[in-house]
Amino acid sequence: RQVWVLTARGHREAKKLPEPKGIRISVLRKEEYDPVTGELLGTG
C-alpha cells in the first residue's frame, strides 16, 4: 500500500479551499535527503 502526501504546491492550494467541518489540513512534511548519499530519508 502506498502512503501519499501533498507536495508544497498542493498544500498551498489546499489551504485556499474552505475546510470541511471537523477536518483540518495537516502540516506540510518536507522531503529530507541524506547529505552523503542523496537518498530520500523518511519525512518528519
All heavy atoms as atom14 arrays in JSON, in Angstrom:
{
  "sequence": "RQVWVLTARGHREAKKLPEPKGIRISVLRKEEYDPVTGELLGTG",
  "atom14_mask": [
    [1, 1, 1, 1, 1, 1, 1, 1, 1, 1, 1, 0, 0, 0],
    [1, 1, 1, 1, 1, 1, 1, 1, 1, 0, 0, 0, 0, 0],
    [1, 1, 1, 1, 1, 1, 1, 0, 0, 0, 0, 0, 0, 0],
    [1, 1, 1, 1, 1, 1, 1, 1, 1, 1, 1, 1, 1, 1],
    [1, 1, 1, 1, 1, 1, 1, 0, 0, 0, 0, 0, 0, 0],
    [1, 1, 1, 1, 1, 1, 1, 1, 0, 0, 0, 0, 0, 0],
    [1, 1, 1, 1, 1, 1, 1, 0, 0, 0, 0, 0, 0, 0],
    [1, 1, 1, 1, 1, 0, 0, 0, 0, 0, 0, 0, 0, 0],
    [1, 1, 1, 1, 1, 1, 1, 1, 1, 1, 1, 0, 0, 0],
    [1, 1, 1, 1, 0, 0, 0, 0, 0, 0, 0, 0, 0, 0],
    [1, 1, 1, 1, 1, 1, 1, 1, 1, 1, 0, 0, 0, 0],
    [1, 1, 1, 1, 1, 1, 1, 1, 1, 1, 1, 0, 0, 0],
    [1, 1, 1, 1, 1, 1, 1, 1, 1, 0, 0, 0, 0, 0],
    [1, 1, 1, 1, 1, 0, 0, 0, 0, 0, 0, 0, 0, 0],
    [1, 1, 1, 1, 1, 1, 1, 1, 1, 0, 0, 0, 0, 0],
    [1, 1, 1, 1, 1, 1, 1, 1, 1, 0, 0, 0, 0, 0],
    [1, 1, 1, 1, 1, 1, 1, 1, 0, 0, 0, 0, 0, 0],
    [1, 1, 1, 1, 1, 1, 1, 0, 0, 0, 0, 0, 0, 0],
    [1, 1, 1, 1, 1, 1, 1, 1, 1, 0, 0, 0, 0, 0],
    [1, 1, 1, 1, 1, 1, 1, 0, 0, 0, 0, 0, 0, 0],
    [1, 1, 1, 1, 1, 1, 1, 1, 1, 0, 0, 0, 0, 0],
    [1, 1, 1, 1, 0, 0, 0, 0, 0, 0, 0, 0, 0, 0],
    [1, 1, 1, 1, 1, 1, 1, 1, 0, 0, 0, 0, 0, 0],
    [1, 1, 1, 1, 1, 1, 1, 1, 1, 1, 1, 0, 0, 0],
    [1, 1, 1, 1, 1, 1, 1, 1, 0, 0, 0, 0, 0, 0],
    [1, 1, 1, 1, 1, 1, 0, 0, 0, 0, 0, 0, 0, 0],
    [1, 1, 1, 1, 1, 1, 1, 0, 0, 0, 0, 0, 0, 0],
    [1, 1, 1, 1, 1, 1, 1, 1, 0, 0, 0, 0, 0, 0],
    [1, 1, 1, 1, 1, 1, 1, 1, 1, 1, 1, 0, 0, 0],
    [1, 1, 1, 1, 1, 1, 1, 1, 1, 0, 0, 0, 0, 0],
    [1, 1, 1, 1, 1, 1, 1, 1, 1, 0, 0, 0, 0, 0],
    [1, 1, 1, 1, 1, 1, 1, 1, 1, 0, 0, 0, 0, 0],
    [1, 1, 1, 1, 1, 1, 1, 1, 1, 1, 1, 1, 0, 0],
    [1, 1, 1, 1, 1, 1, 1, 1, 0, 0, 0, 0, 0, 0],
    [1, 1, 1, 1, 1, 1, 1, 0, 0, 0, 0, 0, 0, 0],
    [1, 1, 1, 1, 1, 1, 1, 0, 0, 0, 0, 0, 0, 0],
    [1, 1, 1, 1, 1, 1, 1, 0, 0, 0, 0, 0, 0, 0],
    [1, 1, 1, 1, 0, 0, 0, 0, 0, 0, 0, 0, 0, 0],
    [1, 1, 1, 1, 1, 1, 1, 1, 1, 0, 0, 0, 0, 0],
    [1, 1, 1, 1, 1, 1, 1, 1, 0, 0, 0, 0, 0, 0],
    [1, 1, 1, 1, 1, 1, 1, 1, 0, 0, 0, 0, 0, 0],
    [1, 1, 1, 1, 0, 0, 0, 0, 0, 0, 0, 0, 0, 0],
    [1, 1, 1, 1, 1, 1, 1, 0, 0, 0, 0, 0, 0, 0],
    [1, 1, 1, 1, 0, 0, 0, 0, 0, 0, 0, 0, 0, 0]
  ],
  "atom14_positions": [
    [[0.85, -1.19, 0.0], [0.0, 0.0, 0.0], [0.89, 1.23, 0.0], [1.93, 1.26, 0.64], [-0.93, 0.02, 1.21], [-2.01, -1.03, 1.15], [-2.93, -0.95, 2.33], [-2.15, -1.24, 3.54], [-2.42, -0.78, 4.75], [-3.45, -0.01, 4.94], [-1.67, -1.1, 5.77], [0.0, 0.0, 0.0], [0.0, 0.0, 0.0], [0.0, 0.0, 0.0]],
    [[0.47, 2.27, -0.72], [1.25, 3.49, -0.82], [0.66, 4.57, 0.08], [-0.55, 4.7, 0.18], [1.26, 4.0, -2.26], [1.89, 3.02, -3.22], [1.73, 3.46, -4.66], [0.89, 4.28, -4.98], [2.55, 2.88, -5.52], [0.0, 0.0, 0.0], [0.0, 0.0, 0.0], [0.0, 0.0, 0.0], [0.0, 0.0, 0.0], [0.0, 0.0, 0.0]],
    [[1.55, 5.33, 0.72], [1.14, 6.47, 1.53], [1.44, 7.72, 0.72], [2.58, 7.96, 0.34], [1.91, 6.5, 2.88], [1.53, 7.74, 3.68], [1.64, 5.23, 3.67], [0.0, 0.0, 0.0], [0.0, 0.0, 0.0], [0.0, 0.0, 0.0], [0.0, 0.0, 0.0], [0.0, 0.0, 0.0], [0.0, 0.0, 0.0], [0.0, 0.0, 0.0]],
    [[0.4, 8.5, 0.41], [0.53, 9.7, -0.41], [0.42, 10.94, 0.47], [-0.35, 10.96, 1.43], [-0.58, 9.73, -1.45], [-0.44, 8.72, -2.52], [-0.66, 7.37, -2.42], [-0.01, 8.94, -3.86], [-0.42, 6.75, -3.61], [-0.02, 7.7, -4.52], [0.37, 10.07, -4.56], [0.34, 7.57, -5.84], [0.71, 9.94, -5.89], [0.71, 8.7, -6.52]],
    [[1.16, 11.98, 0.14], [1.08, 13.26, 0.84], [1.06, 14.39, -0.2], [1.49, 14.2, -1.35], [2.26, 13.48, 1.82], [2.21, 12.47, 2.95], [3.58, 13.4, 1.11], [0.0, 0.0, 0.0], [0.0, 0.0, 0.0], [0.0, 0.0, 0.0], [0.0, 0.0, 0.0], [0.0, 0.0, 0.0], [0.0, 0.0, 0.0], [0.0, 0.0, 0.0]],
    [[0.61, 15.54, 0.21], [0.61, 16.7, -0.67], [2.01, 17.26, -0.83], [2.79, 17.26, 0.12], [-0.29, 17.8, -0.11], [-1.79, 17.54, -0.11], [-2.51, 18.66, 0.62], [-2.31, 17.41, -1.52], [0.0, 0.0, 0.0], [0.0, 0.0, 0.0], [0.0, 0.0, 0.0], [0.0, 0.0, 0.0], [0.0, 0.0, 0.0], [0.0, 0.0, 0.0]],
    [[2.31, 17.76, -2.01], [3.55, 18.49, -2.22], [3.37, 19.89, -1.63], [2.26, 20.26, -1.2], [3.86, 18.62, -3.72], [2.78, 19.32, -4.34], [4.06, 17.26, -4.37], [0.0, 0.0, 0.0], [0.0, 0.0, 0.0], [0.0, 0.0, 0.0], [0.0, 0.0, 0.0], [0.0, 0.0, 0.0], [0.0, 0.0, 0.0], [0.0, 0.0, 0.0]],
    [[4.43, 20.68, -1.6], [4.35, 22.04, -1.08], [3.31, 22.84, -1.86], [2.5, 23.57, -1.29], [5.71, 22.72, -1.13], [0.0, 0.0, 0.0], [0.0, 0.0, 0.0], [0.0, 0.0, 0.0], [0.0, 0.0, 0.0], [0.0, 0.0, 0.0], [0.0, 0.0, 0.0], [0.0, 0.0, 0.0], [0.0, 0.0, 0.0], [0.0, 0.0, 0.0]],
    [[3.32, 22.7, -3.18], [2.34, 23.42, -4.0], [0.91, 22.96, -3.69], [0.0, 23.78, -3.55], [2.65, 23.22, -5.47], [1.67, 23.94, -6.36], [2.01, 23.76, -7.81], [0.96, 24.36, -8.62], [0.89, 24.25, -9.91], [1.8, 23.57, -10.58], [-0.09, 24.82, -10.58], [0.0, 0.0, 0.0], [0.0, 0.0, 0.0], [0.0, 0.0, 0.0]],
    [[0.71, 21.66, -3.59], [-0.61, 21.13, -3.27], [-1.09, 21.58, -1.92], [-2.27, 21.86, -1.71], [0.0, 0.0, 0.0], [0.0, 0.0, 0.0], [0.0, 0.0, 0.0], [0.0, 0.0, 0.0], [0.0, 0.0, 0.0], [0.0, 0.0, 0.0], [0.0, 0.0, 0.0], [0.0, 0.0, 0.0], [0.0, 0.0, 0.0], [0.0, 0.0, 0.0]],
    [[-0.18, 21.68, -0.96], [-0.52, 22.13, 0.39], [-0.98, 23.58, 0.35], [-1.98, 23.94, 0.98], [0.7, 21.97, 1.3], [0.39, 22.1, 2.75], [0.54, 23.27, 3.42], [-0.06, 21.2, 3.65], [0.19, 23.11, 4.67], [-0.18, 21.85, 4.84], [0.0, 0.0, 0.0], [0.0, 0.0, 0.0], [0.0, 0.0, 0.0], [0.0, 0.0, 0.0]],
    [[-0.27, 24.43, -0.41], [-0.67, 25.85, -0.53], [-2.05, 25.96, -1.17], [-2.89, 26.74, -0.71], [0.35, 26.62, -1.36], [1.62, 26.96, -0.63], [2.47, 27.95, -1.4], [2.77, 27.52, -2.76], [3.8, 26.75, -3.11], [4.65, 26.33, -2.18], [4.0, 26.41, -4.38], [0.0, 0.0, 0.0], [0.0, 0.0, 0.0], [0.0, 0.0, 0.0]],
    [[-2.29, 25.17, -2.21], [-3.58, 25.21, -2.89], [-4.7, 24.73, -1.97], [-5.78, 25.31, -1.95], [-3.54, 24.36, -4.16], [-2.64, 24.9, -5.24], [-3.11, 26.23, -5.8], [-4.33, 26.4, -6.0], [-2.26, 27.1, -6.03], [0.0, 0.0, 0.0], [0.0, 0.0, 0.0], [0.0, 0.0, 0.0], [0.0, 0.0, 0.0], [0.0, 0.0, 0.0]],
    [[-4.46, 23.68, -1.22], [-5.48, 23.13, -0.32], [-5.84, 24.11, 0.78], [-7.0, 24.18, 1.2], [-4.99, 21.81, 0.28], [0.0, 0.0, 0.0], [0.0, 0.0, 0.0], [0.0, 0.0, 0.0], [0.0, 0.0, 0.0], [0.0, 0.0, 0.0], [0.0, 0.0, 0.0], [0.0, 0.0, 0.0], [0.0, 0.0, 0.0], [0.0, 0.0, 0.0]],
    [[-4.87, 24.9, 1.24], [-5.15, 25.87, 2.3], [-6.07, 26.99, 1.82], [-6.7, 27.66, 2.62], [-3.86, 26.44, 2.85], [-3.1, 25.41, 3.7], [-1.95, 26.01, 4.43], [-2.37, 26.84, 5.56], [-2.44, 26.3, 6.86], [0.0, 0.0, 0.0], [0.0, 0.0, 0.0], [0.0, 0.0, 0.0], [0.0, 0.0, 0.0], [0.0, 0.0, 0.0]],
    [[-6.17, 27.19, 0.51], [-7.06, 28.22, -0.05], [-8.52, 27.78, -0.05], [-9.41, 28.61, -0.12], [-6.64, 28.56, -1.48], [-5.29, 29.22, -1.58], [-4.96, 29.46, -3.04], [-3.56, 29.99, -3.22], [-3.22, 30.15, -4.65], [0.0, 0.0, 0.0], [0.0, 0.0, 0.0], [0.0, 0.0, 0.0], [0.0, 0.0, 0.0], [0.0, 0.0, 0.0]],
    [[-8.75, 26.48, 0.01], [-10.1, 25.94, -0.03], [-10.75, 26.02, 1.34], [-10.06, 25.92, 2.37], [-10.07, 24.48, -0.49], [-9.48, 24.23, -1.88], [-9.33, 22.74, -2.1], [-10.36, 24.86, -2.94], [0.0, 0.0, 0.0], [0.0, 0.0, 0.0], [0.0, 0.0, 0.0], [0.0, 0.0, 0.0], [0.0, 0.0, 0.0], [0.0, 0.0, 0.0]],
    [[-12.07, 26.16, 1.39], [-12.74, 26.13, 2.7], [-12.59, 24.74, 3.31], [-12.71, 23.73, 2.62], [-14.19, 26.43, 2.38], [-14.34, 26.37, 0.9], [-12.97, 26.36, 0.29], [0.0, 0.0, 0.0], [0.0, 0.0, 0.0], [0.0, 0.0, 0.0], [0.0, 0.0, 0.0], [0.0, 0.0, 0.0], [0.0, 0.0, 0.0], [0.0, 0.0, 0.0]],
    [[-12.27, 24.71, 4.59], [-12.08, 23.42, 5.27], [-13.42, 22.82, 5.65], [-14.27, 23.51, 6.22], [-11.22, 23.61, 6.52], [-9.8, 24.02, 6.21], [-8.93, 24.15, 7.46], [-9.34, 23.66, 8.53], [-7.86, 24.74, 7.35], [0.0, 0.0, 0.0], [0.0, 0.0, 0.0], [0.0, 0.0, 0.0], [0.0, 0.0, 0.0], [0.0, 0.0, 0.0]],
    [[-13.63, 21.54, 5.33], [-14.87, 20.87, 5.77], [-14.95, 20.87, 7.3], [-13.92, 20.82, 7.98], [-14.73, 19.45, 5.23], [-13.67, 19.53, 4.18], [-12.77, 20.66, 4.58], [0.0, 0.0, 0.0], [0.0, 0.0, 0.0], [0.0, 0.0, 0.0], [0.0, 0.0, 0.0], [0.0, 0.0, 0.0], [0.0, 0.0, 0.0], [0.0, 0.0, 0.0]],
    [[-16.14, 20.92, 7.83], [-16.33, 20.94, 9.28], [-15.72, 19.7, 9.92], [-15.95, 18.57, 9.47], [-17.82, 21.0, 9.6], [-18.1, 21.19, 11.06], [-19.56, 21.38, 11.32], [-19.78, 21.65, 12.79], [-21.18, 21.94, 13.08], [0.0, 0.0, 0.0], [0.0, 0.0, 0.0], [0.0, 0.0, 0.0], [0.0, 0.0, 0.0], [0.0, 0.0, 0.0]],
    [[-14.9, 19.89, 10.92], [-14.29, 18.79, 11.65], [-13.04, 18.21, 11.01], [-12.46, 17.26, 11.52], [0.0, 0.0, 0.0], [0.0, 0.0, 0.0], [0.0, 0.0, 0.0], [0.0, 0.0, 0.0], [0.0, 0.0, 0.0], [0.0, 0.0, 0.0], [0.0, 0.0, 0.0], [0.0, 0.0, 0.0], [0.0, 0.0, 0.0], [0.0, 0.0, 0.0]],
    [[-12.61, 18.75, 9.86], [-11.41, 18.25, 9.18], [-10.46, 19.41, 8.99], [-10.87, 20.5, 8.59], [-11.75, 17.62, 7.81], [-12.68, 16.43, 8.0], [-10.49, 17.21, 7.07], [-13.18, 15.84, 6.69], [0.0, 0.0, 0.0], [0.0, 0.0, 0.0], [0.0, 0.0, 0.0], [0.0, 0.0, 0.0], [0.0, 0.0, 0.0], [0.0, 0.0, 0.0]],
    [[-9.19, 19.2, 9.26], [-8.22, 20.27, 9.04], [-7.08, 19.75, 8.17], [-6.84, 18.55, 8.11], [-7.67, 20.81, 10.35], [-6.9, 19.8, 11.16], [-6.42, 20.43, 12.47], [-5.68, 19.48, 13.24], [-4.39, 19.21, 13.07], [-3.7, 19.84, 12.18], [-3.79, 18.32, 13.82], [0.0, 0.0, 0.0], [0.0, 0.0, 0.0], [0.0, 0.0, 0.0]],
    [[-6.39, 20.66, 7.52], [-5.26, 20.29, 6.67], [-4.05, 20.07, 7.57], [-3.74, 20.91, 8.41], [-4.98, 21.39, 5.64], [-6.19, 21.54, 4.72], [-3.72, 21.08, 4.84], [-6.1, 22.71, 3.78], [0.0, 0.0, 0.0], [0.0, 0.0, 0.0], [0.0, 0.0, 0.0], [0.0, 0.0, 0.0], [0.0, 0.0, 0.0], [0.0, 0.0, 0.0]],
    [[-3.37, 18.96, 7.4], [-2.2, 18.66, 8.22], [-1.03, 19.56, 7.82], [-1.03, 20.18, 6.76], [-1.81, 17.2, 8.08], [-1.41, 16.94, 6.76], [0.0, 0.0, 0.0], [0.0, 0.0, 0.0], [0.0, 0.0, 0.0], [0.0, 0.0, 0.0], [0.0, 0.0, 0.0], [0.0, 0.0, 0.0], [0.0, 0.0, 0.0], [0.0, 0.0, 0.0]],
    [[-0.02, 19.6, 8.67], [1.16, 20.4, 8.38], [1.93, 19.78, 7.22], [1.83, 18.58, 6.96], [2.09, 20.51, 9.61], [1.39, 21.24, 10.74], [2.57, 19.16, 10.06], [0.0, 0.0, 0.0], [0.0, 0.0, 0.0], [0.0, 0.0, 0.0], [0.0, 0.0, 0.0], [0.0, 0.0, 0.0], [0.0, 0.0, 0.0], [0.0, 0.0, 0.0]],
    [[2.67, 20.6, 6.53], [3.47, 20.14, 5.4], [4.66, 19.33, 5.9], [5.38, 19.77, 6.79], [3.95, 21.34, 4.59], [4.84, 21.02, 3.39], [4.07, 20.19, 2.37], [5.33, 22.3, 2.75], [0.0, 0.0, 0.0], [0.0, 0.0, 0.0], [0.0, 0.0, 0.0], [0.0, 0.0, 0.0], [0.0, 0.0, 0.0], [0.0, 0.0, 0.0]],
    [[4.85, 18.15, 5.35], [6.01, 17.33, 5.69], [6.98, 17.39, 4.53], [6.7, 16.87, 3.45], [5.58, 15.89, 5.98], [4.67, 15.83, 7.2], [4.37, 14.43, 7.6], [3.67, 13.71, 6.54], [3.06, 12.55, 6.72], [3.06, 11.98, 7.89], [2.46, 11.95, 5.73], [0.0, 0.0, 0.0], [0.0, 0.0, 0.0], [0.0, 0.0, 0.0]],
    [[8.09, 18.05, 4.74], [9.06, 18.25, 3.67], [9.91, 17.0, 3.47], [10.18, 16.26, 4.41], [9.96, 19.43, 4.0], [9.2, 20.73, 4.05], [10.11, 21.9, 4.31], [9.3, 23.18, 4.37], [10.14, 24.34, 4.61], [0.0, 0.0, 0.0], [0.0, 0.0, 0.0], [0.0, 0.0, 0.0], [0.0, 0.0, 0.0], [0.0, 0.0, 0.0]],
    [[10.34, 16.81, 2.23], [11.21, 15.69, 1.9], [12.6, 15.98, 2.46], [13.09, 17.11, 2.36], [11.31, 15.5, 0.4], [10.01, 15.05, -0.23], [10.14, 14.93, -1.73], [10.46, 15.94, -2.37], [9.91, 13.84, -2.24], [0.0, 0.0, 0.0], [0.0, 0.0, 0.0], [0.0, 0.0, 0.0], [0.0, 0.0, 0.0], [0.0, 0.0, 0.0]],
    [[13.23, 14.99, 3.06], [14.58, 15.14, 3.58], [15.49, 14.12, 2.9], [15.11, 12.97, 2.71], [14.6, 14.93, 5.09], [13.78, 15.96, 5.86], [13.77, 15.7, 7.35], [14.41, 14.74, 7.81], [13.07, 16.44, 8.05], [0.0, 0.0, 0.0], [0.0, 0.0, 0.0], [0.0, 0.0, 0.0], [0.0, 0.0, 0.0], [0.0, 0.0, 0.0]],
    [[16.68, 14.57, 2.54], [17.62, 13.71, 1.82], [18.89, 13.5, 2.64], [19.33, 14.4, 3.36], [17.98, 14.34, 0.47], [16.81, 14.42, -0.47], [15.97, 15.52, -0.48], [16.53, 13.38, -1.33], [14.88, 15.59, -1.34], [15.44, 13.43, -2.19], [14.62, 14.54, -2.19], [13.55, 14.59, -3.03], [0.0, 0.0, 0.0], [0.0, 0.0, 0.0]],
    [[19.47, 12.31, 2.53], [20.72, 12.0, 3.21], [21.81, 12.89, 2.6], [21.99, 12.91, 1.38], [21.07, 10.52, 3.01], [22.29, 10.12, 3.77], [23.39, 10.62, 3.45], [22.17, 9.29, 4.69], [0.0, 0.0, 0.0], [0.0, 0.0, 0.0], [0.0, 0.0, 0.0], [0.0, 0.0, 0.0], [0.0, 0.0, 0.0], [0.0, 0.0, 0.0]],
    [[22.57, 13.64, 3.43], [23.58, 14.53, 2.89], [24.74, 13.82, 2.21], [25.41, 14.38, 1.35], [24.06, 15.32, 4.11], [23.66, 14.5, 5.29], [22.47, 13.7, 4.87], [0.0, 0.0, 0.0], [0.0, 0.0, 0.0], [0.0, 0.0, 0.0], [0.0, 0.0, 0.0], [0.0, 0.0, 0.0], [0.0, 0.0, 0.0], [0.0, 0.0, 0.0]],
    [[24.98, 12.56, 2.56], [26.09, 11.82, 1.97], [25.68, 11.11, 0.69], [26.3, 11.27, -0.36], [26.66, 10.79, 2.99], [27.76, 9.96, 2.37], [27.16, 11.51, 4.23], [0.0, 0.0, 0.0], [0.0, 0.0, 0.0], [0.0, 0.0, 0.0], [0.0, 0.0, 0.0], [0.0, 0.0, 0.0], [0.0, 0.0, 0.0], [0.0, 0.0, 0.0]],
    [[24.58, 10.34, 0.76], [24.17, 9.54, -0.39], [23.18, 10.26, -1.29], [23.01, 9.89, -2.44], [23.53, 8.22, 0.07], [22.3, 8.53, 0.77], [24.45, 7.42, 0.95], [0.0, 0.0, 0.0], [0.0, 0.0, 0.0], [0.0, 0.0, 0.0], [0.0, 0.0, 0.0], [0.0, 0.0, 0.0], [0.0, 0.0, 0.0], [0.0, 0.0, 0.0]],
    [[22.48, 11.26, -0.75], [21.47, 11.94, -1.52], [20.16, 11.19, -1.61], [19.22, 11.62, -2.27], [0.0, 0.0, 0.0], [0.0, 0.0, 0.0], [0.0, 0.0, 0.0], [0.0, 0.0, 0.0], [0.0, 0.0, 0.0], [0.0, 0.0, 0.0], [0.0, 0.0, 0.0], [0.0, 0.0, 0.0], [0.0, 0.0, 0.0], [0.0, 0.0, 0.0]],
    [[20.06, 10.04, -0.91], [18.83, 9.24, -0.94], [17.76, 9.9, -0.09], [18.04, 10.56, 0.9], [19.09, 7.83, -0.42], [19.96, 7.0, -1.34], [20.13, 5.58, -0.82], [19.32, 5.14, 0.02], [21.07, 4.92, -1.26], [0.0, 0.0, 0.0], [0.0, 0.0, 0.0], [0.0, 0.0, 0.0], [0.0, 0.0, 0.0], [0.0, 0.0, 0.0]],
    [[16.5, 9.7, -0.49], [15.37, 10.23, 0.25], [15.27, 9.51, 1.59], [15.25, 8.29, 1.66], [14.09, 10.04, -0.56], [12.8, 10.59, 0.06], [12.89, 12.1, 0.21], [11.62, 10.21, -0.8], [0.0, 0.0, 0.0], [0.0, 0.0, 0.0], [0.0, 0.0, 0.0], [0.0, 0.0, 0.0], [0.0, 0.0, 0.0], [0.0, 0.0, 0.0]],
    [[15.2, 10.3, 2.65], [15.0, 9.75, 4.0], [13.53, 9.78, 4.32], [12.74, 10.38, 3.61], [15.77, 10.61, 5.03], [17.28, 10.7, 4.85], [17.83, 11.75, 5.79], [17.93, 9.37, 5.09], [0.0, 0.0, 0.0], [0.0, 0.0, 0.0], [0.0, 0.0, 0.0], [0.0, 0.0, 0.0], [0.0, 0.0, 0.0], [0.0, 0.0, 0.0]],
    [[13.16, 9.2, 5.44], [11.79, 9.31, 5.91], [11.49, 10.75, 6.2], [12.36, 11.54, 6.53], [0.0, 0.0, 0.0], [0.0, 0.0, 0.0], [0.0, 0.0, 0.0], [0.0, 0.0, 0.0], [0.0, 0.0, 0.0], [0.0, 0.0, 0.0], [0.0, 0.0, 0.0], [0.0, 0.0, 0.0], [0.0, 0.0, 0.0], [0.0, 0.0, 0.0]],
    [[10.23, 11.13, 6.07], [9.87, 12.52, 6.33], [9.36, 12.65, 7.74], [8.89, 11.7, 8.33], [8.82, 12.99, 5.33], [7.72, 12.08, 5.37], [9.37, 13.05, 3.92], [0.0, 0.0, 0.0], [0.0, 0.0, 0.0], [0.0, 0.0, 0.0], [0.0, 0.0, 0.0], [0.0, 0.0, 0.0], [0.0, 0.0, 0.0], [0.0, 0.0, 0.0]],
    [[9.44, 13.83, 8.26], [9.06, 14.05, 9.65], [7.71, 14.66, 9.8], [6.97, 14.94, 8.94], [0.0, 0.0, 0.0], [0.0, 0.0, 0.0], [0.0, 0.0, 0.0], [0.0, 0.0, 0.0], [0.0, 0.0, 0.0], [0.0, 0.0, 0.0], [0.0, 0.0, 0.0], [0.0, 0.0, 0.0], [0.0, 0.0, 0.0], [0.0, 0.0, 0.0]]
  ]
}
